[in-house]
PDB file of all heavy atoms in Angstrom:
ATOM      1  N   GLN A   1       7.813  14.557  -2.325  1.00  0.00           N
ATOM      2  CA  GLN A   1       7.994  13.195  -1.778  1.00  0.00           C
ATOM      3  C   GLN A   1       6.576  12.611  -1.461  1.00  0.00           C
ATOM      4  O   GLN A   1       6.330  11.391  -1.840  1.00  0.00           O
ATOM      5  CB  GLN A   1       8.726  13.240  -0.515  1.00  0.00           C
ATOM      6  CG  GLN A   1       8.834  11.888   0.224  1.00  0.00           C
ATOM      7  CD  GLN A   1       9.394  11.983   1.624  1.00  0.00           C
ATOM      8  OE1 GLN A   1       9.908  13.023   2.054  1.00  0.00           O
ATOM      9  NE2 GLN A   1       9.321  10.886   2.396  1.00  0.00           N
ATOM     10  N   SER A   2       5.678  13.384  -0.910  1.00  0.00           N
ATOM     11  CA  SER A   2       4.382  12.942  -0.573  1.00  0.00           C
ATOM     12  C   SER A   2       3.630  12.511  -1.866  1.00  0.00           C
ATOM     13  O   SER A   2       2.983  11.448  -1.887  1.00  0.00           O
ATOM     14  CB  SER A   2       3.566  13.973   0.144  1.00  0.00           C
ATOM     15  OG  SER A   2       2.332  13.498   0.607  1.00  0.00           O
ATOM     16  N   VAL A   3       3.672  13.299  -2.880  1.00  0.00           N
ATOM     17  CA  VAL A   3       2.959  12.990  -4.142  1.00  0.00           C
ATOM     18  C   VAL A   3       3.548  11.731  -4.749  1.00  0.00           C
ATOM     19  O   VAL A   3       2.795  10.792  -5.117  1.00  0.00           O
ATOM     20  CB  VAL A   3       3.120  14.166  -5.147  1.00  0.00           C
ATOM     21  CG1 VAL A   3       2.607  13.727  -6.550  1.00  0.00           C
ATOM     22  CG2 VAL A   3       2.298  15.376  -4.673  1.00  0.00           C
ATOM     23  N   GLU A   4       4.861  11.664  -4.878  1.00  0.00           N
ATOM     24  CA  GLU A   4       5.501  10.526  -5.546  1.00  0.00           C
ATOM     25  C   GLU A   4       5.130   9.225  -4.825  1.00  0.00           C
ATOM     26  O   GLU A   4       4.758   8.186  -5.477  1.00  0.00           O
ATOM     27  CB  GLU A   4       7.024  10.700  -5.543  1.00  0.00           C
ATOM     28  CG  GLU A   4       7.801   9.598  -6.183  1.00  0.00           C
ATOM     29  CD  GLU A   4       9.314   9.767  -6.153  1.00  0.00           C
ATOM     30  OE1 GLU A   4       9.761  10.937  -5.891  1.00  0.00           O
ATOM     31  OE2 GLU A   4      10.013   8.833  -6.448  1.00  0.00           O
ATOM     32  N   GLU A   5       5.270   9.155  -3.490  1.00  0.00           N
ATOM     33  CA  GLU A   5       5.003   7.942  -2.756  1.00  0.00           C
ATOM     34  C   GLU A   5       3.506   7.598  -2.682  1.00  0.00           C
ATOM     35  O   GLU A   5       3.123   6.438  -2.698  1.00  0.00           O
ATOM     36  CB  GLU A   5       5.608   8.034  -1.403  1.00  0.00           C
ATOM     37  CG  GLU A   5       7.156   8.199  -1.322  1.00  0.00           C
ATOM     38  CD  GLU A   5       7.838   7.055  -1.994  1.00  0.00           C
ATOM     39  OE1 GLU A   5       7.367   5.890  -1.853  1.00  0.00           O
ATOM     40  OE2 GLU A   5       8.879   7.296  -2.659  1.00  0.00           O
ATOM     41  N   THR A   6       2.671   8.607  -2.597  1.00  0.00           N
ATOM     42  CA  THR A   6       1.225   8.356  -2.525  1.00  0.00           C
ATOM     43  C   THR A   6       0.724   7.831  -3.877  1.00  0.00           C
ATOM     44  O   THR A   6      -0.125   6.903  -3.877  1.00  0.00           O
ATOM     45  CB  THR A   6       0.464   9.642  -2.161  1.00  0.00           C
ATOM     46  OG1 THR A   6       0.951  10.147  -0.914  1.00  0.00           O
ATOM     47  CG2 THR A   6      -1.023   9.354  -1.926  1.00  0.00           C
ATOM     48  N   VAL A   7       1.231   8.377  -4.934  1.00  0.00           N
ATOM     49  CA  VAL A   7       0.822   7.900  -6.265  1.00  0.00           C
ATOM     50  C   VAL A   7       1.297   6.480  -6.495  1.00  0.00           C
ATOM     51  O   VAL A   7       0.597   5.678  -7.134  1.00  0.00           O
ATOM     52  CB  VAL A   7       1.371   8.836  -7.394  1.00  0.00           C
ATOM     53  CG1 VAL A   7       1.173   8.243  -8.747  1.00  0.00           C
ATOM     54  CG2 VAL A   7       0.681  10.191  -7.295  1.00  0.00           C
ATOM     55  N   LYS A   8       2.435   6.131  -5.926  1.00  0.00           N
ATOM     56  CA  LYS A   8       2.946   4.724  -6.087  1.00  0.00           C
ATOM     57  C   LYS A   8       1.958   3.737  -5.420  1.00  0.00           C
ATOM     58  O   LYS A   8       1.743   2.640  -5.870  1.00  0.00           O
ATOM     59  CB  LYS A   8       4.286   4.587  -5.423  1.00  0.00           C
ATOM     60  CG  LYS A   8       5.456   5.126  -6.281  1.00  0.00           C
ATOM     61  CD  LYS A   8       6.772   4.882  -5.571  1.00  0.00           C
ATOM     62  CE  LYS A   8       7.945   5.419  -6.348  1.00  0.00           C
ATOM     63  NZ  LYS A   8       9.246   5.289  -5.599  1.00  0.00           N
ATOM     64  N   ILE A   9       1.363   4.139  -4.282  1.00  0.00           N
ATOM     65  CA  ILE A   9       0.406   3.258  -3.593  1.00  0.00           C
ATOM     66  C   ILE A   9      -0.794   3.078  -4.480  1.00  0.00           C
ATOM     67  O   ILE A   9      -1.339   1.969  -4.601  1.00  0.00           O
ATOM     68  CB  ILE A   9       0.034   3.879  -2.232  1.00  0.00           C
ATOM     69  CG1 ILE A   9       1.271   3.969  -1.319  1.00  0.00           C
ATOM     70  CG2 ILE A   9      -1.074   3.045  -1.545  1.00  0.00           C
ATOM     71  CD1 ILE A   9       0.982   4.727  -0.045  1.00  0.00           C
ATOM     72  N   GLY A  10      -1.255   4.144  -5.090  1.00  0.00           N
ATOM     73  CA  GLY A  10      -2.347   4.087  -6.067  1.00  0.00           C
ATOM     74  C   GLY A  10      -3.702   4.336  -5.485  1.00  0.00           C
ATOM     75  O   GLY A  10      -4.217   3.508  -4.722  1.00  0.00           O
ATOM     76  N   PHE A  11      -4.309   5.498  -5.811  1.00  0.00           N
ATOM     77  CA  PHE A  11      -5.623   5.812  -5.271  1.00  0.00           C
ATOM     78  C   PHE A  11      -6.514   6.281  -6.389  1.00  0.00           C
ATOM     79  O   PHE A  11      -6.107   6.487  -7.544  1.00  0.00           O
ATOM     80  CB  PHE A  11      -5.501   6.908  -4.195  1.00  0.00           C
ATOM     81  CG  PHE A  11      -4.852   6.420  -2.904  1.00  0.00           C
ATOM     82  CD1 PHE A  11      -3.482   6.591  -2.729  1.00  0.00           C
ATOM     83  CD2 PHE A  11      -5.571   5.757  -1.979  1.00  0.00           C
ATOM     84  CE1 PHE A  11      -2.883   6.138  -1.556  1.00  0.00           C
ATOM     85  CE2 PHE A  11      -5.011   5.337  -0.786  1.00  0.00           C
ATOM     86  CZ  PHE A  11      -3.641   5.528  -0.590  1.00  0.00           C
ATOM     87  N   ASP A  12      -7.790   6.476  -6.073  1.00  0.00           N
ATOM     88  CA  ASP A  12      -8.793   6.881  -7.069  1.00  0.00           C
ATOM     89  C   ASP A  12      -8.876   8.356  -7.225  1.00  0.00           C
ATOM     90  O   ASP A  12      -9.522   8.919  -8.128  1.00  0.00           O
ATOM     91  CB  ASP A  12     -10.190   6.335  -6.707  1.00  0.00           C
ATOM     92  CG  ASP A  12     -10.227   4.844  -6.574  1.00  0.00           C
ATOM     93  OD1 ASP A  12      -9.853   4.189  -7.582  1.00  0.00           O
ATOM     94  OD2 ASP A  12     -10.543   4.324  -5.535  1.00  0.00           O
ATOM     95  N   GLY A  13      -8.163   9.102  -6.334  1.00  0.00           N
ATOM     96  CA  GLY A  13      -8.132  10.557  -6.377  1.00  0.00           C
ATOM     97  C   GLY A  13      -7.107  11.032  -5.364  1.00  0.00           C
ATOM     98  O   GLY A  13      -6.660  10.222  -4.478  1.00  0.00           O
ATOM     99  N   TYR A  14      -6.724  12.256  -5.443  1.00  0.00           N
ATOM    100  CA  TYR A  14      -5.680  12.820  -4.547  1.00  0.00           C
ATOM    101  C   TYR A  14      -6.139  14.135  -3.911  1.00  0.00           C
ATOM    102  O   TYR A  14      -6.521  15.057  -4.618  1.00  0.00           O
ATOM    103  CB  TYR A  14      -4.381  12.930  -5.331  1.00  0.00           C
ATOM    104  CG  TYR A  14      -3.868  11.618  -5.787  1.00  0.00           C
ATOM    105  CD1 TYR A  14      -4.190  11.109  -7.062  1.00  0.00           C
ATOM    106  CD2 TYR A  14      -3.133  10.775  -4.918  1.00  0.00           C
ATOM    107  CE1 TYR A  14      -3.785   9.839  -7.460  1.00  0.00           C
ATOM    108  CE2 TYR A  14      -2.706   9.542  -5.329  1.00  0.00           C
ATOM    109  CZ  TYR A  14      -3.027   9.055  -6.582  1.00  0.00           C
ATOM    110  OH  TYR A  14      -2.670   7.793  -6.966  1.00  0.00           O
ATOM    111  N   ALA A  15      -6.063  14.164  -2.618  1.00  0.00           N
ATOM    112  CA  ALA A  15      -6.493  15.336  -1.840  1.00  0.00           C
ATOM    113  C   ALA A  15      -5.255  16.063  -1.346  1.00  0.00           C
ATOM    114  O   ALA A  15      -4.247  15.449  -1.026  1.00  0.00           O
ATOM    115  CB  ALA A  15      -7.361  14.929  -0.648  1.00  0.00           C
ATOM    116  N   ILE A  16      -5.386  17.397  -1.280  1.00  0.00           N
ATOM    117  CA  ILE A  16      -4.294  18.235  -0.789  1.00  0.00           C
ATOM    118  C   ILE A  16      -4.693  18.604   0.631  1.00  0.00           C
ATOM    119  O   ILE A  16      -5.645  19.342   0.855  1.00  0.00           O
ATOM    120  CB  ILE A  16      -4.169  19.535  -1.646  1.00  0.00           C
ATOM    121  CG1 ILE A  16      -3.807  19.121  -3.074  1.00  0.00           C
ATOM    122  CG2 ILE A  16      -3.117  20.454  -1.052  1.00  0.00           C
ATOM    123  CD1 ILE A  16      -3.941  20.299  -4.075  1.00  0.00           C
ATOM    124  N   GLY A  17      -3.926  18.082   1.561  1.00  0.00           N
ATOM    125  CA  GLY A  17      -4.166  18.390   3.004  1.00  0.00           C
ATOM    126  C   GLY A  17      -3.093  19.303   3.538  1.00  0.00           C
ATOM    127  O   GLY A  17      -2.129  19.629   2.841  1.00  0.00           O
ATOM    128  N   GLY A  18      -3.305  19.843   4.714  1.00  0.00           N
ATOM    129  CA  GLY A  18      -2.300  20.636   5.312  1.00  0.00           C
ATOM    130  C   GLY A  18      -2.135  22.072   4.824  1.00  0.00           C
ATOM    131  O   GLY A  18      -1.145  22.715   5.076  1.00  0.00           O
ATOM    132  N   LEU A  19      -3.168  22.514   4.026  1.00  0.00           N
ATOM    133  CA  LEU A  19      -3.165  23.901   3.622  1.00  0.00           C
ATOM    134  C   LEU A  19      -4.514  24.487   4.141  1.00  0.00           C
ATOM    135  O   LEU A  19      -5.397  23.782   4.581  1.00  0.00           O
ATOM    136  CB  LEU A  19      -3.102  24.045   2.106  1.00  0.00           C
ATOM    137  CG  LEU A  19      -1.769  23.653   1.453  1.00  0.00           C
ATOM    138  CD1 LEU A  19      -1.819  23.821  -0.024  1.00  0.00           C
ATOM    139  CD2 LEU A  19      -0.621  24.476   2.034  1.00  0.00           C
ATOM    140  N   SER A  20      -4.640  25.847   4.017  1.00  0.00           N
ATOM    141  CA  SER A  20      -5.786  26.524   4.706  1.00  0.00           C
ATOM    142  C   SER A  20      -5.788  26.251   6.192  1.00  0.00           C
ATOM    143  O   SER A  20      -6.908  26.046   6.811  1.00  0.00           O
ATOM    144  CB  SER A  20      -7.111  26.084   4.064  1.00  0.00           C
ATOM    145  OG  SER A  20      -7.228  26.633   2.718  1.00  0.00           O
ATOM    146  N   VAL A  21      -4.615  26.193   6.784  1.00  0.00           N
ATOM    147  CA  VAL A  21      -4.505  25.934   8.211  1.00  0.00           C
ATOM    148  C   VAL A  21      -3.783  27.098   8.891  1.00  0.00           C
ATOM    149  O   VAL A  21      -3.234  26.923  10.009  1.00  0.00           O
ATOM    150  CB  VAL A  21      -3.824  24.598   8.533  1.00  0.00           C
ATOM    151  CG1 VAL A  21      -4.734  23.451   8.080  1.00  0.00           C
ATOM    152  CG2 VAL A  21      -2.431  24.523   7.873  1.00  0.00           C
ATOM    153  N   GLY A  22      -3.711  28.232   8.227  1.00  0.00           N
ATOM    154  CA  GLY A  22      -3.113  29.411   8.826  1.00  0.00           C
ATOM    155  C   GLY A  22      -1.987  30.006   8.037  1.00  0.00           C
ATOM    156  O   GLY A  22      -1.519  31.127   8.327  1.00  0.00           O
ATOM    157  N   GLU A  23      -1.513  29.342   7.019  1.00  0.00           N
ATOM    158  CA  GLU A  23      -0.428  29.904   6.158  1.00  0.00           C
ATOM    159  C   GLU A  23      -0.946  31.047   5.314  1.00  0.00           C
ATOM    160  O   GLU A  23      -2.157  31.178   5.110  1.00  0.00           O
ATOM    161  CB  GLU A  23       0.146  28.808   5.257  1.00  0.00           C
ATOM    162  CG  GLU A  23      -0.697  28.479   3.997  1.00  0.00           C
ATOM    163  CD  GLU A  23      -1.929  27.605   4.266  1.00  0.00           C
ATOM    164  OE1 GLU A  23      -2.070  27.144   5.442  1.00  0.00           O
ATOM    165  OE2 GLU A  23      -2.791  27.465   3.389  1.00  0.00           O
ATOM    166  N   GLY A  24      -0.046  31.883   4.826  1.00  0.00           N
ATOM    167  CA  GLY A  24      -0.429  32.974   3.999  1.00  0.00           C
ATOM    168  C   GLY A  24      -0.745  32.546   2.604  1.00  0.00           C
ATOM    169  O   GLY A  24      -0.416  31.446   2.155  1.00  0.00           O
ATOM    170  N   LYS A  25      -1.423  33.417   1.889  1.00  0.00           N
ATOM    171  CA  LYS A  25      -1.814  33.049   0.519  1.00  0.00           C
ATOM    172  C   LYS A  25      -0.617  32.842  -0.394  1.00  0.00           C
ATOM    173  O   LYS A  25      -0.635  31.969  -1.262  1.00  0.00           O
ATOM    174  CB  LYS A  25      -2.741  34.106  -0.102  1.00  0.00           C
ATOM    175  CG  LYS A  25      -4.149  34.085   0.504  1.00  0.00           C
ATOM    176  CD  LYS A  25      -5.133  34.956  -0.257  1.00  0.00           C
ATOM    177  CE  LYS A  25      -6.528  34.846   0.387  1.00  0.00           C
ATOM    178  NZ  LYS A  25      -7.545  35.609  -0.371  1.00  0.00           N
ATOM    179  N   PRO A  26       0.484  33.668  -0.291  1.00  0.00           N
ATOM    180  CA  PRO A  26       1.627  33.384  -1.151  1.00  0.00           C
ATOM    181  C   PRO A  26       2.179  31.952  -0.986  1.00  0.00           C
ATOM    182  O   PRO A  26       2.509  31.282  -1.945  1.00  0.00           O
ATOM    183  CB  PRO A  26       2.643  34.454  -0.696  1.00  0.00           C
ATOM    184  CG  PRO A  26       1.799  35.547  -0.180  1.00  0.00           C
ATOM    185  CD  PRO A  26       0.663  34.887   0.527  1.00  0.00           C
ATOM    186  N   GLU A  27       2.264  31.512   0.300  1.00  0.00           N
ATOM    187  CA  GLU A  27       2.829  30.145   0.567  1.00  0.00           C
ATOM    188  C   GLU A  27       1.820  29.125   0.027  1.00  0.00           C
ATOM    189  O   GLU A  27       2.208  28.120  -0.583  1.00  0.00           O
ATOM    190  CB  GLU A  27       2.995  29.927   2.067  1.00  0.00           C
ATOM    191  CG  GLU A  27       4.066  30.750   2.699  1.00  0.00           C
ATOM    192  CD  GLU A  27       3.600  32.114   3.197  1.00  0.00           C
ATOM    193  OE1 GLU A  27       2.445  32.501   2.858  1.00  0.00           O
ATOM    194  OE2 GLU A  27       4.401  32.854   3.848  1.00  0.00           O
ATOM    195  N   ARG A  28       0.533  29.351   0.210  1.00  0.00           N
ATOM    196  CA  ARG A  28      -0.474  28.352  -0.246  1.00  0.00           C
ATOM    197  C   ARG A  28      -0.433  28.279  -1.775  1.00  0.00           C
ATOM    198  O   ARG A  28      -0.427  27.170  -2.358  1.00  0.00           O
ATOM    199  CB  ARG A  28      -1.857  28.819   0.199  1.00  0.00           C
ATOM    200  CG  ARG A  28      -2.980  27.855  -0.162  1.00  0.00           C
ATOM    201  CD  ARG A  28      -4.337  28.501   0.225  1.00  0.00           C
ATOM    202  NE  ARG A  28      -4.229  29.102   1.545  1.00  0.00           N
ATOM    203  CZ  ARG A  28      -5.021  30.058   1.964  1.00  0.00           C
ATOM    204  NH1 ARG A  28      -5.973  30.568   1.183  1.00  0.00           N
ATOM    205  NH2 ARG A  28      -4.909  30.540   3.235  1.00  0.00           N
ATOM    206  N   ASN A  29      -0.375  29.412  -2.438  1.00  0.00           N
ATOM    207  CA  ASN A  29      -0.357  29.418  -3.905  1.00  0.00           C
ATOM    208  C   ASN A  29       0.905  28.794  -4.471  1.00  0.00           C
ATOM    209  O   ASN A  29       0.867  28.199  -5.525  1.00  0.00           O
ATOM    210  CB  ASN A  29      -0.559  30.806  -4.424  1.00  0.00           C
ATOM    211  CG  ASN A  29      -1.979  31.392  -4.179  1.00  0.00           C
ATOM    212  OD1 ASN A  29      -2.896  30.617  -3.864  1.00  0.00           O
ATOM    213  ND2 ASN A  29      -2.098  32.677  -4.210  1.00  0.00           N
ATOM    214  N   GLU A  30       2.029  28.991  -3.768  1.00  0.00           N
ATOM    215  CA  GLU A  30       3.257  28.362  -4.172  1.00  0.00           C
ATOM    216  C   GLU A  30       3.117  26.811  -4.198  1.00  0.00           C
ATOM    217  O   GLU A  30       3.533  26.130  -5.135  1.00  0.00           O
ATOM    218  CB  GLU A  30       4.384  28.735  -3.249  1.00  0.00           C
ATOM    219  CG  GLU A  30       5.718  28.132  -3.660  1.00  0.00           C
ATOM    220  CD  GLU A  30       6.872  28.412  -2.687  1.00  0.00           C
ATOM    221  OE1 GLU A  30       6.630  29.221  -1.742  1.00  0.00           O
ATOM    222  OE2 GLU A  30       7.991  27.878  -2.804  1.00  0.00           O
ATOM    223  N   MET A  31       2.456  26.271  -3.173  1.00  0.00           N
ATOM    224  CA  MET A  31       2.251  24.871  -3.083  1.00  0.00           C
ATOM    225  C   MET A  31       1.290  24.361  -4.141  1.00  0.00           C
ATOM    226  O   MET A  31       1.472  23.333  -4.779  1.00  0.00           O
ATOM    227  CB  MET A  31       1.740  24.463  -1.704  1.00  0.00           C
ATOM    228  CG  MET A  31       2.704  24.647  -0.544  1.00  0.00           C
ATOM    229  SD  MET A  31       4.228  23.702  -0.747  1.00  0.00           S
ATOM    230  CE  MET A  31       5.356  25.025  -1.329  1.00  0.00           C
TER     231      MET A  31
END
């Protein structure tokens, strides 16, 4: 949902936030 709606707004690049905040590597890599 976040990707779809953010791309609709239109930016010059896209950052992945909310990872490397304590989750395990399997969860992070899945994302």
